[in-house]
Amino acid sequence: TFLISHFFSSTPVNSPLPALLAFVPVIAMGKADAKQRWALLASVLRQKGSTKSNADTSSKAVSVRKFGGFGLVPSQGCTPPTERKATTGNGGGRFVYFRYSPTPDRSVVIKQKSGEVTLADLIGFNNTGNVCMWPAEDALAYYCLQNLDKFRDKSVCELGAGMTAMAGIALRSMVPLRRLFLTDGNEESASCIQDNVELNRAAFASVGGGEPGDGDGVRGGVLVWDRHDDFAGQACRYDVLIAADCLFFDDYHQDLIHVINTLLRPEGEAIIVGPQRGKTLDLFCERALAAGLRVERTERHDELLWEKHLRALAEDDSYQESLHYPILLRIFVNAEPSGAGAGGS
């Protein structure tokens, strides 16, 4: 699966190939869908690295994925809010709104892309979060909601949050935080995150939190993983970093490790939830350990999720464990935090 992306690792930064090559091979698909996606990729290859696409390939929509997710946080479609103008320029009918309900009496509204994607959505810096909300984001949100005391009154940053930042927003609707920075490396995704922040200000206010002079302390923004950036103003700022399904671009592993080392407080914790995706998760763990981080890996970290996983294996032909089942990684800057031992399950 990943040999193709390695083969084209020398493509220009602005080429659509990295996004396409990372996106196409790792998605569970039927034969018809696969032929459609590879035809789309072939048309891009014929452009010889040009960042421009012809009208047919740029506007042609294909389905994003077949597996519908675990449904750990109940949701239903809702009417688009009309009280504010969205900040994202790529709007229209390609966005849908869902109401996620962490508890029966509390909910958040999330704006996200519809179930179709065009070539234009895939071109640029890590546009995978521009495409849809992946199952691991739901699993990360559920983990956060099951461990609220881990986050209460803490400073939290979500990395690679895509367009929705659903995990961070759902968490903030349930518990006060000192600050919450919801980030993605893609500008359009970050803009949509800010839309979602504004849609849920009332939910944040209902639980308190924030710091004097900083309102509720929640904002969205661009944060590009770069091992050469000292992240001035952000260093050692966060008690907890969270991320979902962010390890599949193995060329960025060292950059993510640098981000964790730089942004996390000495006694802090990074929580990553994501699928195996071939050998990429194993490779990240090896690199994190080599960099002096401590990694705790847990396969069966929640019984409800495990039951849904087993049911999907038995009943859903589109479900692939390597691509969909979210493994839990807990990462510490200190090699041996007090009161915790190394290991995994």
Protein backbone atom coordinates (compact mmCIF):
# COMPACT_ATOMS: atom_id res chain seq x y z
CA THR A 1 0.00 0.00 0.00
CA PHE A 2 2.61 2.53 1.02
CA LEU A 3 5.29 1.63 -1.54
CA ILE A 4 3.55 3.87 -4.06
CA SER A 5 3.69 6.93 -1.82
CA HIS A 6 7.38 6.25 -1.10
CA PHE A 7 8.06 5.92 -4.84
CA PHE A 8 6.64 9.40 -5.45
CA SER A 9 8.15 11.02 -2.35
CA SER A 10 10.19 13.33 -4.56
CA THR A 11 7.15 15.00 -6.13
CA PRO A 12 6.91 18.80 -5.73
CA VAL A 13 5.34 20.12 -2.54
CA ASN A 14 2.42 21.66 -4.42
CA SER A 15 1.77 18.56 -6.51
CA PRO A 16 -1.57 16.82 -6.00
CA LEU A 17 0.16 13.45 -6.02
CA PRO A 18 1.06 13.14 -2.30
CA ALA A 19 -2.51 13.72 -1.20
CA LEU A 20 -3.95 11.44 -3.85
CA LEU A 21 -1.45 8.65 -3.31
CA ALA A 22 -1.97 8.70 0.43
CA PHE A 23 -5.74 8.86 0.03
CA VAL A 24 -6.50 6.36 -2.68
CA PRO A 25 -4.70 3.17 -1.54
CA VAL A 26 -5.71 3.13 2.12
CA ILE A 27 -9.48 3.30 1.78
CA ALA A 28 -11.68 0.24 1.81
CA MET A 29 -13.41 0.19 -1.56
CA GLY A 30 -15.28 -2.01 -3.97
CA LYS A 31 -13.98 -2.76 -7.46
CA ALA A 32 -16.12 -0.06 -9.10
CA ASP A 33 -15.03 2.60 -6.61
CA ALA A 34 -11.40 1.55 -6.94
CA LYS A 35 -11.50 1.82 -10.75
CA GLN A 36 -13.06 5.29 -10.46
CA ARG A 37 -10.43 6.53 -8.04
CA TRP A 38 -7.51 5.11 -9.99
CA ALA A 39 -8.92 6.67 -13.17
CA LEU A 40 -8.95 9.99 -11.34
CA LEU A 41 -5.35 9.44 -10.23
CA ALA A 42 -4.31 8.54 -13.78
CA SER A 43 -5.75 11.79 -15.09
CA VAL A 44 -3.67 13.69 -12.54
CA LEU A 45 -0.51 11.81 -13.49
CA ARG A 46 -1.03 12.88 -17.07
CA GLN A 47 -0.87 16.48 -15.92
CA LYS A 48 2.83 15.87 -15.14
CA GLY A 49 2.78 17.45 -11.70
CA SER A 50 0.76 20.54 -12.57
CA THR A 51 -1.24 21.93 -9.64
CA LYS A 52 -4.07 22.78 -12.03
CA SER A 53 -6.69 20.21 -12.93
CA ASN A 54 -9.05 20.21 -15.86
CA ALA A 55 -12.71 20.90 -15.30
CA ASP A 56 -13.70 17.27 -15.52
CA THR A 57 -11.33 15.93 -12.85
CA SER A 58 -11.61 18.90 -10.49
CA SER A 59 -15.39 18.83 -10.35
CA LYS A 60 -15.92 15.10 -10.54
CA ALA A 61 -17.08 13.77 -7.20
CA VAL A 62 -16.39 10.33 -5.77
CA SER A 63 -17.58 8.76 -2.56
CA VAL A 64 -15.19 9.13 0.36
CA ARG A 65 -15.41 5.82 2.21
CA LYS A 66 -17.82 2.97 2.76
CA PHE A 67 -17.41 2.13 6.46
CA GLY A 68 -19.72 4.49 8.30
CA GLY A 69 -17.87 4.60 11.61
CA PHE A 70 -18.59 3.24 15.08
CA GLY A 71 -21.29 5.71 16.13
CA LEU A 72 -19.86 6.06 19.62
CA VAL A 73 -21.12 9.63 20.00
CA PRO A 74 -24.81 9.73 18.95
CA SER A 75 -25.50 12.09 16.06
CA GLN A 76 -28.17 13.12 13.61
CA GLY A 77 -28.40 15.56 10.74
CA CYS A 78 -29.70 19.01 11.56
CA THR A 79 -30.72 22.22 9.82
CA PRO A 80 -27.82 24.54 8.93
CA PRO A 81 -27.62 27.37 11.46
CA THR A 82 -28.50 30.78 10.04
CA GLU A 83 -27.36 33.06 12.86
CA ARG A 84 -23.89 33.69 11.44
CA LYS A 85 -22.02 33.76 8.15
CA ALA A 86 -19.48 30.98 7.67
CA THR A 87 -15.87 32.05 7.27
CA THR A 88 -14.93 29.29 4.84
CA GLY A 89 -14.97 30.23 1.19
CA ASN A 90 -15.73 26.71 -0.06
CA GLY A 91 -19.36 26.49 1.02
CA GLY A 92 -22.58 25.83 -0.81
CA GLY A 93 -24.35 22.50 -0.71
CA ARG A 94 -21.15 20.53 -0.12
CA PHE A 95 -21.38 21.09 3.63
CA VAL A 96 -23.75 19.33 5.98
CA TYR A 97 -24.48 19.84 9.67
CA PHE A 98 -24.74 17.22 12.38
CA ARG A 99 -25.77 17.47 16.00
CA TYR A 100 -23.57 15.29 18.21
CA SER A 101 -24.90 14.52 21.68
CA PRO A 102 -22.29 13.61 24.32
CA THR A 103 -25.21 13.21 26.75
CA PRO A 104 -28.98 13.21 26.18
CA ASP A 105 -29.28 16.79 27.43
CA ARG A 106 -26.15 18.28 25.86
CA SER A 107 -25.10 18.56 22.22
CA VAL A 108 -22.81 20.35 19.78
CA VAL A 109 -23.35 21.28 16.14
CA ILE A 110 -20.62 20.28 13.69
CA LYS A 111 -20.25 21.51 10.12
CA GLN A 112 -18.49 19.03 7.84
CA LYS A 113 -18.07 18.07 4.23
CA SER A 114 -20.78 16.02 2.57
CA GLY A 115 -20.03 12.42 1.56
CA GLU A 116 -18.48 13.34 -1.80
CA VAL A 117 -15.03 14.64 -2.61
CA THR A 118 -13.52 16.25 -5.70
CA LEU A 119 -9.94 16.41 -6.86
CA ALA A 120 -9.78 20.03 -5.69
CA ASP A 121 -10.37 18.80 -2.12
CA LEU A 122 -7.27 16.59 -2.32
CA ILE A 123 -4.74 19.10 -3.65
CA GLY A 124 -2.51 20.92 -1.18
CA PHE A 125 -0.91 20.37 2.21
CA ASN A 126 -2.44 17.31 3.90
CA ASN A 127 -5.99 17.73 2.71
CA THR A 128 -7.18 14.42 4.16
CA GLY A 129 -9.02 16.33 6.88
CA ASN A 130 -10.68 18.31 4.12
CA VAL A 131 -12.44 15.19 2.92
CA CYS A 132 -14.55 13.85 5.78
CA MET A 133 -14.52 13.01 9.46
CA TRP A 134 -12.74 9.69 9.83
CA PRO A 135 -13.92 7.00 12.31
CA ALA A 136 -10.96 7.62 14.63
CA GLU A 137 -12.20 11.18 15.37
CA ASP A 138 -15.41 9.71 16.76
CA ALA A 139 -13.34 7.25 18.81
CA LEU A 140 -11.11 10.04 20.12
CA ALA A 141 -14.15 12.10 21.10
CA TYR A 142 -15.61 9.10 22.91
CA TYR A 143 -12.33 8.50 24.77
CA CYS A 144 -12.24 12.13 25.89
CA LEU A 145 -15.86 12.02 27.04
CA GLN A 146 -15.17 8.85 29.05
CA ASN A 147 -12.18 10.49 30.78
CA LEU A 148 -13.35 14.01 31.53
CA ASP A 149 -11.34 14.36 34.74
CA LYS A 150 -8.13 13.86 32.76
CA PHE A 151 -8.87 17.15 30.98
CA ARG A 152 -10.74 19.24 33.55
CA ASP A 153 -9.23 22.74 33.94
CA LYS A 154 -6.31 21.74 31.72
CA SER A 155 -4.77 23.35 28.66
CA VAL A 156 -5.50 21.19 25.59
CA CYS A 157 -4.49 21.23 21.92
CA GLU A 158 -5.99 19.04 19.20
CA LEU A 159 -3.54 18.32 16.39
CA GLY A 160 -4.58 17.49 12.83
CA ALA A 161 -8.22 18.10 13.70
CA GLY A 162 -9.43 18.21 10.09
CA MET A 163 -12.49 20.31 9.32
CA THR A 164 -14.55 19.29 12.33
CA ALA A 165 -12.38 19.14 15.48
CA MET A 166 -15.31 17.17 16.84
CA ALA A 167 -13.32 15.55 19.64
CA GLY A 168 -12.07 18.82 21.08
CA ILE A 169 -15.40 20.60 20.67
CA ALA A 170 -17.39 17.77 22.27
CA LEU A 171 -14.91 17.65 25.15
CA ARG A 172 -15.12 21.41 25.72
CA SER A 173 -18.92 21.27 25.79
CA MET A 174 -18.73 18.93 28.78
CA VAL A 175 -15.90 20.21 30.93
CA PRO A 176 -14.16 23.54 31.68
CA LEU A 177 -10.69 23.93 30.17
CA ARG A 178 -8.17 26.71 30.69
CA ARG A 179 -7.61 26.88 26.96
CA LEU A 180 -8.33 24.80 23.88
CA PHE A 181 -6.47 25.25 20.60
CA LEU A 182 -8.00 23.27 17.73
CA THR A 183 -5.54 22.99 14.86
CA ASP A 184 -4.90 21.63 11.40
CA GLY A 185 -2.12 22.18 8.89
CA ASN A 186 -4.58 22.98 6.10
CA GLU A 187 -5.93 26.53 5.97
CA GLU A 188 -9.39 25.58 4.72
CA SER A 189 -9.75 22.97 7.45
CA ALA A 190 -8.63 25.49 10.09
CA SER A 191 -11.18 28.00 8.82
CA CYS A 192 -13.95 25.44 9.08
CA ILE A 193 -12.77 24.58 12.60
CA GLN A 194 -13.25 28.21 13.56
CA ASP A 195 -16.77 28.07 12.13
CA ASN A 196 -17.47 25.10 14.38
CA VAL A 197 -16.01 26.93 17.37
CA GLU A 198 -18.38 29.86 16.77
CA LEU A 199 -21.34 27.52 16.37
CA ASN A 200 -20.74 26.14 19.85
CA ARG A 201 -19.79 29.16 21.95
CA ALA A 202 -22.97 28.84 24.02
CA ALA A 203 -22.18 25.22 24.86
CA PHE A 204 -18.69 26.21 26.02
CA ALA A 205 -20.05 29.05 28.15
CA SER A 206 -22.49 26.71 29.89
CA VAL A 207 -19.67 24.80 31.61
CA GLY A 208 -17.40 27.76 32.38
CA GLY A 209 -13.64 27.64 32.00
CA GLY A 210 -11.21 29.88 30.16
CA GLU A 211 -8.81 32.38 31.66
CA PRO A 212 -9.30 36.04 32.65
CA GLY A 213 -9.31 38.23 29.55
CA ASP A 214 -9.47 35.23 27.21
CA GLY A 215 -13.18 34.48 27.13
CA ASP A 216 -13.84 30.75 26.95
CA GLY A 217 -10.26 30.16 25.78
CA VAL A 218 -11.28 28.27 22.62
CA ARG A 219 -9.93 29.04 19.16
CA GLY A 220 -9.10 27.31 15.92
CA GLY A 221 -6.05 27.93 13.78
CA VAL A 222 -3.34 26.63 11.48
CA LEU A 223 -0.51 24.65 13.01
CA VAL A 224 1.88 23.01 10.55
CA TRP A 225 4.07 20.24 11.90
CA ASP A 226 7.65 21.28 11.24
CA ARG A 227 10.68 19.84 13.01
CA HIS A 228 12.56 23.11 12.38
CA ASP A 229 9.95 25.35 14.04
CA ASP A 230 10.42 26.37 17.66
CA PHE A 231 6.68 27.23 17.92
CA ALA A 232 7.36 30.47 19.73
CA GLY A 233 4.60 31.26 22.20
CA GLN A 234 3.31 27.68 22.18
CA ALA A 235 6.26 25.82 23.74
CA CYS A 236 5.48 23.84 26.90
CA ARG A 237 2.01 25.35 26.89
CA TYR A 238 -0.28 22.32 26.89
CA ASP A 239 -1.09 19.73 29.52
CA VAL A 240 -2.71 17.41 26.97
CA LEU A 241 -2.35 16.99 23.21
CA ILE A 242 -4.96 14.94 21.37
CA ALA A 243 -5.01 13.66 17.79
CA ALA A 244 -6.93 11.16 15.66
CA ASP A 245 -5.68 9.10 12.70
CA CYS A 246 -2.67 11.32 12.07
CA LEU A 247 0.15 8.82 11.51
CA PHE A 248 -0.38 7.63 7.93
CA PHE A 249 2.02 10.19 6.38
CA ASP A 250 5.18 8.59 7.73
CA ASP A 251 7.33 11.38 6.27
CA TYR A 252 5.81 13.63 8.96
CA HIS A 253 6.48 11.34 11.93
CA GLN A 254 9.60 13.21 13.01
CA ASP A 255 7.75 16.52 12.68
CA LEU A 256 4.92 15.27 14.89
CA ILE A 257 7.40 13.96 17.44
CA HIS A 258 9.01 17.41 17.50
CA VAL A 259 5.59 19.02 18.00
CA ILE A 260 4.88 16.71 20.96
CA ASN A 261 8.29 17.38 22.48
CA THR A 262 7.92 21.14 22.04
CA LEU A 263 4.28 21.88 22.86
CA LEU A 264 3.73 19.46 25.73
CA ARG A 265 4.48 20.39 29.32
CA PRO A 266 7.07 18.14 31.03
CA GLU A 267 4.37 16.28 32.98
CA GLY A 268 1.85 16.36 30.15
CA GLU A 269 0.43 13.62 27.96
CA ALA A 270 -0.27 13.19 24.25
CA ILE A 271 -3.22 10.98 23.34
CA ILE A 272 -3.35 9.61 19.79
CA VAL A 273 -6.15 7.38 18.57
CA GLY A 274 -5.75 5.83 15.15
CA PRO A 275 -5.71 2.63 13.09
CA GLN A 276 -2.69 0.53 12.27
CA ARG A 277 -2.72 1.42 8.52
CA GLY A 278 -0.16 -1.13 7.42
CA LYS A 279 3.03 -0.57 9.41
CA THR A 280 2.72 3.17 9.89
CA LEU A 281 1.57 3.12 13.51
CA ASP A 282 4.33 0.65 14.44
CA LEU A 283 6.88 2.81 12.68
CA PHE A 284 5.73 5.94 14.53
CA CYS A 285 6.00 4.15 17.88
CA GLU A 286 9.54 3.03 17.06
CA ARG A 287 10.53 6.57 16.10
CA ALA A 288 8.91 8.09 19.19
CA LEU A 289 10.76 5.67 21.47
CA ALA A 290 14.04 6.39 19.66
CA ALA A 291 13.44 10.10 20.28
CA GLY A 292 13.19 9.49 24.04
CA LEU A 293 9.41 9.57 24.40
CA ARG A 294 7.56 6.93 26.37
CA VAL A 295 4.71 5.24 24.51
CA GLU A 296 1.90 3.21 26.03
CA ARG A 297 -0.07 1.31 23.40
CA THR A 298 -3.46 -0.27 24.12
CA GLU A 299 -5.44 -2.26 21.57
CA ARG A 300 -8.53 -3.06 23.64
CA HIS A 301 -9.06 0.22 25.45
CA ASP A 302 -12.86 0.38 25.62
CA GLU A 303 -15.36 -2.46 25.82
CA LEU A 304 -18.12 -0.77 23.81
CA LEU A 305 -15.69 0.06 21.00
CA TRP A 306 -14.32 -3.50 21.11
CA GLU A 307 -17.82 -4.95 20.79
CA LYS A 308 -18.56 -2.71 17.80
CA HIS A 309 -15.22 -3.71 16.28
CA LEU A 310 -16.00 -7.42 16.57
CA ARG A 311 -19.49 -6.88 15.15
CA ALA A 312 -18.09 -4.95 12.20
CA LEU A 313 -15.55 -7.71 11.51
CA ALA A 314 -18.35 -10.26 11.42
CA GLU A 315 -21.04 -8.30 9.60
CA ASP A 316 -19.57 -5.44 7.54
CA ASP A 317 -17.65 -6.36 4.38
CA SER A 318 -16.33 -2.80 4.06
CA TYR A 319 -14.68 -2.90 7.48
CA GLN A 320 -10.93 -3.51 7.54
CA GLU A 321 -9.28 -3.70 10.94
CA SER A 322 -5.97 -2.22 9.77
CA LEU A 323 -7.72 0.80 8.28
CA HIS A 324 -10.52 1.39 10.74
CA TYR A 325 -9.95 0.01 14.25
CA PRO A 326 -8.52 2.82 16.45
CA ILE A 327 -5.61 1.86 18.68
CA LEU A 328 -4.88 4.06 21.71
CA LEU A 329 -1.42 5.60 22.17
CA ARG A 330 -0.53 7.55 25.30
CA ILE A 331 2.76 9.40 24.93
CA PHE A 332 4.85 11.05 27.62
CA VAL A 333 7.82 13.37 27.33
CA ASN A 334 9.33 12.00 30.53
CA ALA A 335 10.59 8.47 30.09
CA GLU A 336 9.11 7.26 33.37
CA PRO A 337 6.31 9.47 34.74
CA SER A 338 5.80 9.05 38.46
CA GLY A 339 3.27 6.38 39.31
CA ALA A 340 3.17 4.93 35.79
CA GLY A 341 4.92 1.99 34.29
CA ALA A 342 5.81 1.22 30.71
CA GLY A 343 3.93 -1.27 28.64
CA GLY A 344 0.83 -1.85 26.58
CA SER A 345 -1.88 -4.34 25.88
